[in-house]
Amino acid sequence: MTYYELTFKLQHECPYNDFSREHPSTVISHWCNWSRDVLEIADSHLRDTKSRREIRGMFKTIGSKIIRQSLASSSLQIVLQHCACDRLPPPTLPTIEKYNCLNLQPMVYTGGWEWYRVMAFSDQDIKKLFKDLERRHCDVEVTSRKSVSEESVHNSLLISAGSLLSALTEKQARALIAAIDNGYYNLPRSASAMEIAKRLGVPRTSFVDHLRKAQNKLIQTVGPYVRLKPA
């Protein structure tokens, strides 16, 4: 079975995107079950009267009523009385589902962009989805796309150890384990690259090369997921 996992961002006029554009430090995470919307708004200025007033105005614009809210030190959790996805022009989530794609929540709004992670089961569905979004005057940018051959979709709903580590060579994995075991990533660092290389009996340049390649591969793998995490 082959399917596609992609991350993309889009820009269009909607209250959530407009708010994140006006407040670049804000990250809005949005979960929907078609009955209620749950949002987490992360920002260090949430206790300001002006910010709270603007947030209430944002929900008033889309005709949504807040029925639960909880304020933490730097985030505000909100439950809306009704799902408002089809009130956000254009209705992006219904469009994704229209083309047989699975949206992996949350949707994230930050810096005037709306971020999605989607699974699709046909290249044709992906093309139709983006064509429809562009027709709705959305600026769309794909940030990550890969085809996956798996017997089970279940494993791709999370970051599996296989997908995270499969690209590492044996030498890269050994270098990474040695760095962890010898406190290379401790603060402060317990051992330098030179000291670890001596313990392994390998040249420092070889150890550093394998370690950097391992780090690069891991970062490239988790990058699309990190983008969707609130700051």
C-alpha atoms as a PDB file:
ATOM      1  CA  MET A   1       0.000   0.000   0.000  1.00  0.00           C
ATOM      2  CA  THR A   2       1.399   3.395  -0.982  1.00  0.00           C
ATOM      3  CA  TYR A   3       0.085   6.676   0.335  1.00  0.00           C
ATOM      4  CA  TYR A   4       1.391  10.201   0.736  1.00  0.00           C
ATOM      5  CA  GLU A   5       2.205  12.271   3.780  1.00  0.00           C
ATOM      6  CA  LEU A   6       2.550  15.983   3.235  1.00  0.00           C
ATOM      7  CA  THR A   7       2.788  19.187   5.181  1.00  0.00           C
ATOM      8  CA  PHE A   8       1.677  22.425   3.616  1.00  0.00           C
ATOM      9  CA  LYS A   9       0.860  25.953   4.619  1.00  0.00           C
ATOM     10  CA  LEU A  10      -1.656  28.308   3.093  1.00  0.00           C
ATOM     11  CA  GLN A  11      -2.430  31.962   3.344  1.00  0.00           C
ATOM     12  CA  HIS A  12      -5.883  33.417   2.995  1.00  0.00           C
ATOM     13  CA  GLU A  13      -8.222  35.886   4.637  1.00  0.00           C
ATOM     14  CA  CYS A  14      -9.786  34.449   7.783  1.00  0.00           C
ATOM     15  CA  PRO A  15     -10.031  35.700  11.385  1.00  0.00           C
ATOM     16  CA  TYR A  16      -7.482  33.228  12.786  1.00  0.00           C
ATOM     17  CA  ASN A  17      -4.923  33.965  10.071  1.00  0.00           C
ATOM     18  CA  ASP A  18      -5.543  37.699  10.353  1.00  0.00           C
ATOM     19  CA  PHE A  19      -4.985  37.566  14.117  1.00  0.00           C
ATOM     20  CA  SER A  20      -1.729  35.609  13.758  1.00  0.00           C
ATOM     21  CA  ARG A  21      -0.529  38.054  11.101  1.00  0.00           C
ATOM     22  CA  GLU A  22      -1.185  41.018  13.378  1.00  0.00           C
ATOM     23  CA  HIS A  23       0.423  39.220  16.340  1.00  0.00           C
ATOM     24  CA  PRO A  24       3.522  37.402  14.966  1.00  0.00           C
ATOM     25  CA  SER A  25       4.453  35.930  18.372  1.00  0.00           C
ATOM     26  CA  THR A  26       1.084  34.149  18.666  1.00  0.00           C
ATOM     27  CA  VAL A  27       0.548  30.477  17.786  1.00  0.00           C
ATOM     28  CA  ILE A  28      -3.051  29.240  17.490  1.00  0.00           C
ATOM     29  CA  SER A  29      -3.588  25.466  17.555  1.00  0.00           C
ATOM     30  CA  HIS A  30      -7.021  24.285  16.440  1.00  0.00           C
ATOM     31  CA  TRP A  31      -8.712  20.908  16.977  1.00  0.00           C
ATOM     32  CA  CYS A  32     -12.157  20.095  15.583  1.00  0.00           C
ATOM     33  CA  ASN A  33     -14.548  17.148  15.949  1.00  0.00           C
ATOM     34  CA  TRP A  34     -17.383  18.752  13.933  1.00  0.00           C
ATOM     35  CA  SER A  35     -19.310  19.375  17.147  1.00  0.00           C
ATOM     36  CA  ARG A  36     -16.926  21.548  19.145  1.00  0.00           C
ATOM     37  CA  ASP A  37     -13.800  23.488  18.337  1.00  0.00           C
ATOM     38  CA  VAL A  38     -10.927  23.496  20.818  1.00  0.00           C
ATOM     39  CA  LEU A  39      -8.244  26.142  20.443  1.00  0.00           C
ATOM     40  CA  GLU A  40      -5.043  26.863  22.307  1.00  0.00           C
ATOM     41  CA  ILE A  41      -3.678  30.369  21.858  1.00  0.00           C
ATOM     42  CA  ALA A  42      -0.048  30.628  22.942  1.00  0.00           C
ATOM     43  CA  ASP A  43       1.383  34.092  23.559  1.00  0.00           C
ATOM     44  CA  SER A  44       3.218  35.844  26.390  1.00  0.00           C
ATOM     45  CA  HIS A  45       0.838  38.833  26.237  1.00  0.00           C
ATOM     46  CA  LEU A  46      -2.422  37.004  26.900  1.00  0.00           C
ATOM     47  CA  ARG A  47      -2.972  38.703  30.249  1.00  0.00           C
ATOM     48  CA  ASP A  48      -3.111  42.109  28.576  1.00  0.00           C
ATOM     49  CA  THR A  49      -6.631  43.557  28.483  1.00  0.00           C
ATOM     50  CA  LYS A  50      -6.174  44.603  24.858  1.00  0.00           C
ATOM     51  CA  SER A  51      -5.112  41.109  23.751  1.00  0.00           C
ATOM     52  CA  ARG A  52      -8.048  39.461  25.500  1.00  0.00           C
ATOM     53  CA  ARG A  53     -10.434  41.964  23.892  1.00  0.00           C
ATOM     54  CA  GLU A  54      -9.008  41.240  20.437  1.00  0.00           C
ATOM     55  CA  ILE A  55      -9.366  37.503  21.013  1.00  0.00           C
ATOM     56  CA  ARG A  56     -13.035  37.903  21.944  1.00  0.00           C
ATOM     57  CA  GLY A  57     -13.522  40.039  18.836  1.00  0.00           C
ATOM     58  CA  MET A  58     -11.942  37.312  16.683  1.00  0.00           C
ATOM     59  CA  PHE A  59     -14.538  34.758  17.793  1.00  0.00           C
ATOM     60  CA  LYS A  60     -17.349  37.276  17.513  1.00  0.00           C
ATOM     61  CA  THR A  61     -16.394  37.786  13.848  1.00  0.00           C
ATOM     62  CA  ILE A  62     -17.161  34.139  13.065  1.00  0.00           C
ATOM     63  CA  GLY A  63     -20.251  34.035  15.289  1.00  0.00           C
ATOM     64  CA  SER A  64     -18.804  31.573  17.817  1.00  0.00           C
ATOM     65  CA  LYS A  65     -19.497  31.504  21.533  1.00  0.00           C
ATOM     66  CA  ILE A  66     -16.878  30.528  24.103  1.00  0.00           C
ATOM     67  CA  ILE A  67     -18.283  27.978  26.581  1.00  0.00           C
ATOM     68  CA  ARG A  68     -15.052  27.025  28.383  1.00  0.00           C
ATOM     69  CA  GLN A  69     -11.716  28.755  28.797  1.00  0.00           C
ATOM     70  CA  SER A  70      -8.624  28.293  30.916  1.00  0.00           C
ATOM     71  CA  LEU A  71      -5.732  30.726  31.158  1.00  0.00           C
ATOM     72  CA  ALA A  72      -2.222  29.478  31.890  1.00  0.00           C
ATOM     73  CA  SER A  73       0.928  31.599  32.144  1.00  0.00           C
ATOM     74  CA  SER A  74       1.465  31.779  28.393  1.00  0.00           C
ATOM     75  CA  SER A  75      -1.500  30.026  26.775  1.00  0.00           C
ATOM     76  CA  LEU A  76      -5.267  30.232  26.665  1.00  0.00           C
ATOM     77  CA  GLN A  77      -7.364  27.096  26.085  1.00  0.00           C
ATOM     78  CA  ILE A  78     -10.815  27.716  24.609  1.00  0.00           C
ATOM     79  CA  VAL A  79     -13.779  25.467  23.796  1.00  0.00           C
ATOM     80  CA  LEU A  80     -16.319  26.880  21.340  1.00  0.00           C
ATOM     81  CA  GLN A  81     -20.006  26.029  21.531  1.00  0.00           C
ATOM     82  CA  HIS A  82     -20.172  24.934  17.889  1.00  0.00           C
ATOM     83  CA  CYS A  83     -17.738  23.892  15.177  1.00  0.00           C
ATOM     84  CA  ALA A  84     -16.857  26.970  13.130  1.00  0.00           C
ATOM     85  CA  CYS A  85     -14.756  25.341  10.401  1.00  0.00           C
ATOM     86  CA  ASP A  86     -17.279  26.057   7.649  1.00  0.00           C
ATOM     87  CA  ARG A  87     -17.387  29.723   8.705  1.00  0.00           C
ATOM     88  CA  LEU A  88     -13.698  30.283   7.987  1.00  0.00           C
ATOM     89  CA  PRO A  89     -13.435  31.418   4.369  1.00  0.00           C
ATOM     90  CA  PRO A  90     -12.632  29.333   2.476  1.00  0.00           C
ATOM     91  CA  PRO A  91     -13.673  26.231   4.462  1.00  0.00           C
ATOM     92  CA  THR A  92     -10.269  24.512   4.271  1.00  0.00           C
ATOM     93  CA  LEU A  93     -10.958  21.443   6.394  1.00  0.00           C
ATOM     94  CA  PRO A  94     -14.108  20.435   4.432  1.00  0.00           C
ATOM     95  CA  THR A  95     -12.083  20.906   1.232  1.00  0.00           C
ATOM     96  CA  ILE A  96      -9.352  18.544   2.484  1.00  0.00           C
ATOM     97  CA  GLU A  97     -11.895  15.876   3.368  1.00  0.00           C
ATOM     98  CA  LYS A  98     -13.726  16.362   0.071  1.00  0.00           C
ATOM     99  CA  TYR A  99     -10.718  14.865  -1.736  1.00  0.00           C
ATOM    100  CA  ASN A 100     -10.422  11.782   0.511  1.00  0.00           C
ATOM    101  CA  CYS A 101      -7.509  13.177   2.487  1.00  0.00           C
ATOM    102  CA  LEU A 102      -7.009  12.649   6.200  1.00  0.00           C
ATOM    103  CA  ASN A 103      -6.186  15.801   8.136  1.00  0.00           C
ATOM    104  CA  LEU A 104      -3.896  15.118  11.100  1.00  0.00           C
ATOM    105  CA  GLN A 105      -4.820  17.704  13.696  1.00  0.00           C
ATOM    106  CA  PRO A 106      -4.156  20.263  15.011  1.00  0.00           C
ATOM    107  CA  MET A 107      -4.306  22.951  12.393  1.00  0.00           C
ATOM    108  CA  VAL A 108      -1.842  25.687  13.333  1.00  0.00           C
ATOM    109  CA  TYR A 109      -2.020  29.411  12.617  1.00  0.00           C
ATOM    110  CA  THR A 110       1.127  31.473  13.013  1.00  0.00           C
ATOM    111  CA  GLY A 111       2.634  34.474  11.252  1.00  0.00           C
ATOM    112  CA  GLY A 112      -0.363  34.761   8.920  1.00  0.00           C
ATOM    113  CA  TRP A 113       0.006  31.167   7.672  1.00  0.00           C
ATOM    114  CA  GLU A 114      -2.211  28.162   8.300  1.00  0.00           C
ATOM    115  CA  TRP A 115      -0.343  24.851   8.633  1.00  0.00           C
ATOM    116  CA  TYR A 116      -1.680  21.372   7.815  1.00  0.00           C
ATOM    117  CA  ARG A 117      -0.331  17.840   7.963  1.00  0.00           C
ATOM    118  CA  VAL A 118      -2.318  15.568   5.645  1.00  0.00           C
ATOM    119  CA  MET A 119      -2.363  11.960   4.503  1.00  0.00           C
ATOM    120  CA  ALA A 120      -3.601  11.247   0.973  1.00  0.00           C
ATOM    121  CA  PHE A 121      -4.174   7.930  -0.748  1.00  0.00           C
ATOM    122  CA  SER A 122      -3.867   9.111  -4.337  1.00  0.00           C
ATOM    123  CA  ASP A 123      -1.593  11.520  -6.160  1.00  0.00           C
ATOM    124  CA  GLN A 124      -4.649  12.537  -8.158  1.00  0.00           C
ATOM    125  CA  ASP A 125      -6.474  13.534  -4.957  1.00  0.00           C
ATOM    126  CA  ILE A 126      -3.546  15.750  -3.959  1.00  0.00           C
ATOM    127  CA  LYS A 127      -3.576  17.542  -7.301  1.00  0.00           C
ATOM    128  CA  LYS A 128      -7.335  18.109  -7.080  1.00  0.00           C
ATOM    129  CA  LEU A 129      -7.020  19.377  -3.506  1.00  0.00           C
ATOM    130  CA  PHE A 130      -4.406  22.009  -4.343  1.00  0.00           C
ATOM    131  CA  LYS A 131      -6.210  23.036  -7.512  1.00  0.00           C
ATOM    132  CA  ASP A 132      -9.371  23.597  -5.483  1.00  0.00           C
ATOM    133  CA  LEU A 133      -7.527  25.580  -2.798  1.00  0.00           C
ATOM    134  CA  GLU A 134      -5.894  27.791  -5.417  1.00  0.00           C
ATOM    135  CA  ARG A 135      -9.276  28.317  -7.053  1.00  0.00           C
ATOM    136  CA  ARG A 136     -10.469  29.581  -3.680  1.00  0.00           C
ATOM    137  CA  HIS A 137      -7.713  32.231  -3.792  1.00  0.00           C
ATOM    138  CA  CYS A 138      -5.393  30.544  -1.302  1.00  0.00           C
ATOM    139  CA  ASP A 139      -1.631  30.923  -1.542  1.00  0.00           C
ATOM    140  CA  VAL A 140      -0.402  27.378  -0.956  1.00  0.00           C
ATOM    141  CA  GLU A 141       3.161  26.222  -0.277  1.00  0.00           C
ATOM    142  CA  VAL A 142       4.084  22.552   0.224  1.00  0.00           C
ATOM    143  CA  THR A 143       6.862  22.266   2.816  1.00  0.00           C
ATOM    144  CA  SER A 144       7.198  18.473   2.958  1.00  0.00           C
ATOM    145  CA  ARG A 145       5.951  15.574   0.837  1.00  0.00           C
ATOM    146  CA  LYS A 146       6.874  11.901   0.836  1.00  0.00           C
ATOM    147  CA  SER A 147       5.371   8.687  -0.440  1.00  0.00           C
ATOM    148  CA  VAL A 148       5.068   5.888   2.119  1.00  0.00           C
ATOM    149  CA  SER A 149       4.850   2.164   1.472  1.00  0.00           C
ATOM    150  CA  GLU A 150       3.413   0.537   4.565  1.00  0.00           C
ATOM    151  CA  GLU A 151       1.156  -2.366   5.394  1.00  0.00           C
ATOM    152  CA  SER A 152      -0.512  -0.259   8.059  1.00  0.00           C
ATOM    153  CA  VAL A 153      -1.575   3.384   8.131  1.00  0.00           C
ATOM    154  CA  HIS A 154      -1.585   3.264  11.939  1.00  0.00           C
ATOM    155  CA  ASN A 155       2.189   3.593  12.245  1.00  0.00           C
ATOM    156  CA  SER A 156       2.232   6.856  10.314  1.00  0.00           C
ATOM    157  CA  LEU A 157      -0.174   8.648  12.614  1.00  0.00           C
ATOM    158  CA  LEU A 158       2.738   8.953  15.038  1.00  0.00           C
ATOM    159  CA  ILE A 159       6.461   9.312  14.460  1.00  0.00           C
ATOM    160  CA  SER A 160       7.531   5.685  14.494  1.00  0.00           C
ATOM    161  CA  ALA A 161      11.033   4.681  15.559  1.00  0.00           C
ATOM    162  CA  GLY A 162      11.468   3.080  12.142  1.00  0.00           C
ATOM    163  CA  SER A 163      10.755   6.262  10.197  1.00  0.00           C
ATOM    164  CA  LEU A 164      12.882   8.329  12.581  1.00  0.00           C
ATOM    165  CA  LEU A 165      15.973   6.112  12.607  1.00  0.00           C
ATOM    166  CA  SER A 166      15.916   4.134   9.365  1.00  0.00           C
ATOM    167  CA  ALA A 167      18.064   6.662   7.470  1.00  0.00           C
ATOM    168  CA  LEU A 168      20.963   6.387   9.942  1.00  0.00           C
ATOM    169  CA  THR A 169      23.963   4.251   9.009  1.00  0.00           C
ATOM    170  CA  GLU A 170      25.493   1.978  11.638  1.00  0.00           C
ATOM    171  CA  LYS A 171      28.439   4.362  12.141  1.00  0.00           C
ATOM    172  CA  GLN A 172      26.136   7.369  12.475  1.00  0.00           C
ATOM    173  CA  ALA A 173      23.977   5.563  15.031  1.00  0.00           C
ATOM    174  CA  ARG A 174      27.062   4.517  17.047  1.00  0.00           C
ATOM    175  CA  ALA A 175      28.394   8.084  17.022  1.00  0.00           C
ATOM    176  CA  LEU A 176      25.053   9.427  18.233  1.00  0.00           C
ATOM    177  CA  ILE A 177      24.785   6.832  21.027  1.00  0.00           C
ATOM    178  CA  ALA A 178      28.365   7.553  22.132  1.00  0.00           C
ATOM    179  CA  ALA A 179      27.617  11.283  22.233  1.00  0.00           C
ATOM    180  CA  ILE A 180      24.531  10.686  24.386  1.00  0.00           C
ATOM    181  CA  ASP A 181      26.241   8.177  26.701  1.00  0.00           C
ATOM    182  CA  ASN A 182      29.254  10.436  27.262  1.00  0.00           C
ATOM    183  CA  GLY A 183      27.234  13.555  28.059  1.00  0.00           C
ATOM    184  CA  TYR A 184      28.005  15.430  24.857  1.00  0.00           C
ATOM    185  CA  TYR A 185      24.520  16.994  24.943  1.00  0.00           C
ATOM    186  CA  ASN A 186      24.578  17.799  28.653  1.00  0.00           C
ATOM    187  CA  LEU A 187      24.568  21.409  29.784  1.00  0.00           C
ATOM    188  CA  PRO A 188      27.346  21.989  30.538  1.00  0.00           C
ATOM    189  CA  ARG A 189      28.883  19.412  28.201  1.00  0.00           C
ATOM    190  CA  SER A 190      30.502  16.465  30.022  1.00  0.00           C
ATOM    191  CA  ALA A 191      32.850  15.478  27.203  1.00  0.00           C
ATOM    192  CA  SER A 192      34.174  17.090  24.039  1.00  0.00           C
ATOM    193  CA  ALA A 193      34.138  15.540  20.584  1.00  0.00           C
ATOM    194  CA  MET A 194      37.887  14.954  20.879  1.00  0.00           C
ATOM    195  CA  GLU A 195      37.505  13.094  24.187  1.00  0.00           C
ATOM    196  CA  ILE A 196      34.712  10.873  22.865  1.00  0.00           C
ATOM    197  CA  ALA A 197      36.650  10.112  19.673  1.00  0.00           C
ATOM    198  CA  LYS A 198      39.655   9.006  21.773  1.00  0.00           C
ATOM    199  CA  ARG A 199      37.435   6.698  23.841  1.00  0.00           C
ATOM    200  CA  LEU A 200      36.070   5.170  20.630  1.00  0.00           C
ATOM    201  CA  GLY A 201      39.553   4.909  19.111  1.00  0.00           C
ATOM    202  CA  VAL A 202      38.599   6.863  15.979  1.00  0.00           C
ATOM    203  CA  PRO A 203      39.839  10.165  14.500  1.00  0.00           C
ATOM    204  CA  ARG A 204      38.010  13.229  15.784  1.00  0.00           C
ATOM    205  CA  THR A 205      37.114  14.295  12.230  1.00  0.00           C
ATOM    206  CA  SER A 206      35.453  10.926  11.537  1.00  0.00           C
ATOM    207  CA  PHE A 207      33.448  11.024  14.766  1.00  0.00           C
ATOM    208  CA  VAL A 208      32.258  14.601  14.169  1.00  0.00           C
ATOM    209  CA  ASP A 209      31.356  13.804  10.557  1.00  0.00           C
ATOM    210  CA  HIS A 210      29.208  10.795  11.518  1.00  0.00           C
ATOM    211  CA  LEU A 211      27.619  12.705  14.398  1.00  0.00           C
ATOM    212  CA  ARG A 212      26.698  15.717  12.251  1.00  0.00           C
ATOM    213  CA  LYS A 213      25.206  13.529   9.534  1.00  0.00           C
ATOM    214  CA  ALA A 214      23.135  11.681  12.141  1.00  0.00           C
ATOM    215  CA  GLN A 215      21.911  14.960  13.635  1.00  0.00           C
ATOM    216  CA  ASN A 216      21.054  16.336  10.205  1.00  0.00           C
ATOM    217  CA  LYS A 217      19.006  13.256   9.260  1.00  0.00           C
ATOM    218  CA  LEU A 218      17.063  13.316  12.533  1.00  0.00           C
ATOM    219  CA  ILE A 219      16.335  17.033  12.224  1.00  0.00           C
ATOM    220  CA  GLN A 220      15.147  16.650   8.629  1.00  0.00           C
ATOM    221  CA  THR A 221      12.814  13.837   9.713  1.00  0.00           C
ATOM    222  CA  VAL A 222      11.200  15.661  12.635  1.00  0.00           C
ATOM    223  CA  GLY A 223      11.187  19.080  10.941  1.00  0.00           C
ATOM    224  CA  PRO A 224       7.618  18.873   9.564  1.00  0.00           C
ATOM    225  CA  TYR A 225       6.329  17.853  13.010  1.00  0.00           C
ATOM    226  CA  VAL A 226       8.262  20.566  14.846  1.00  0.00           C
ATOM    227  CA  ARG A 227       6.669  23.172  12.577  1.00  0.00           C
ATOM    228  CA  LEU A 228       3.264  22.159  13.865  1.00  0.00           C
ATOM    229  CA  LYS A 229       4.153  22.478  17.523  1.00  0.00           C
ATOM    230  CA  PRO A 230       3.273  25.741  19.262  1.00  0.00           C
ATOM    231  CA  ALA A 231       6.277  27.753  20.429  1.00  0.00           C
END
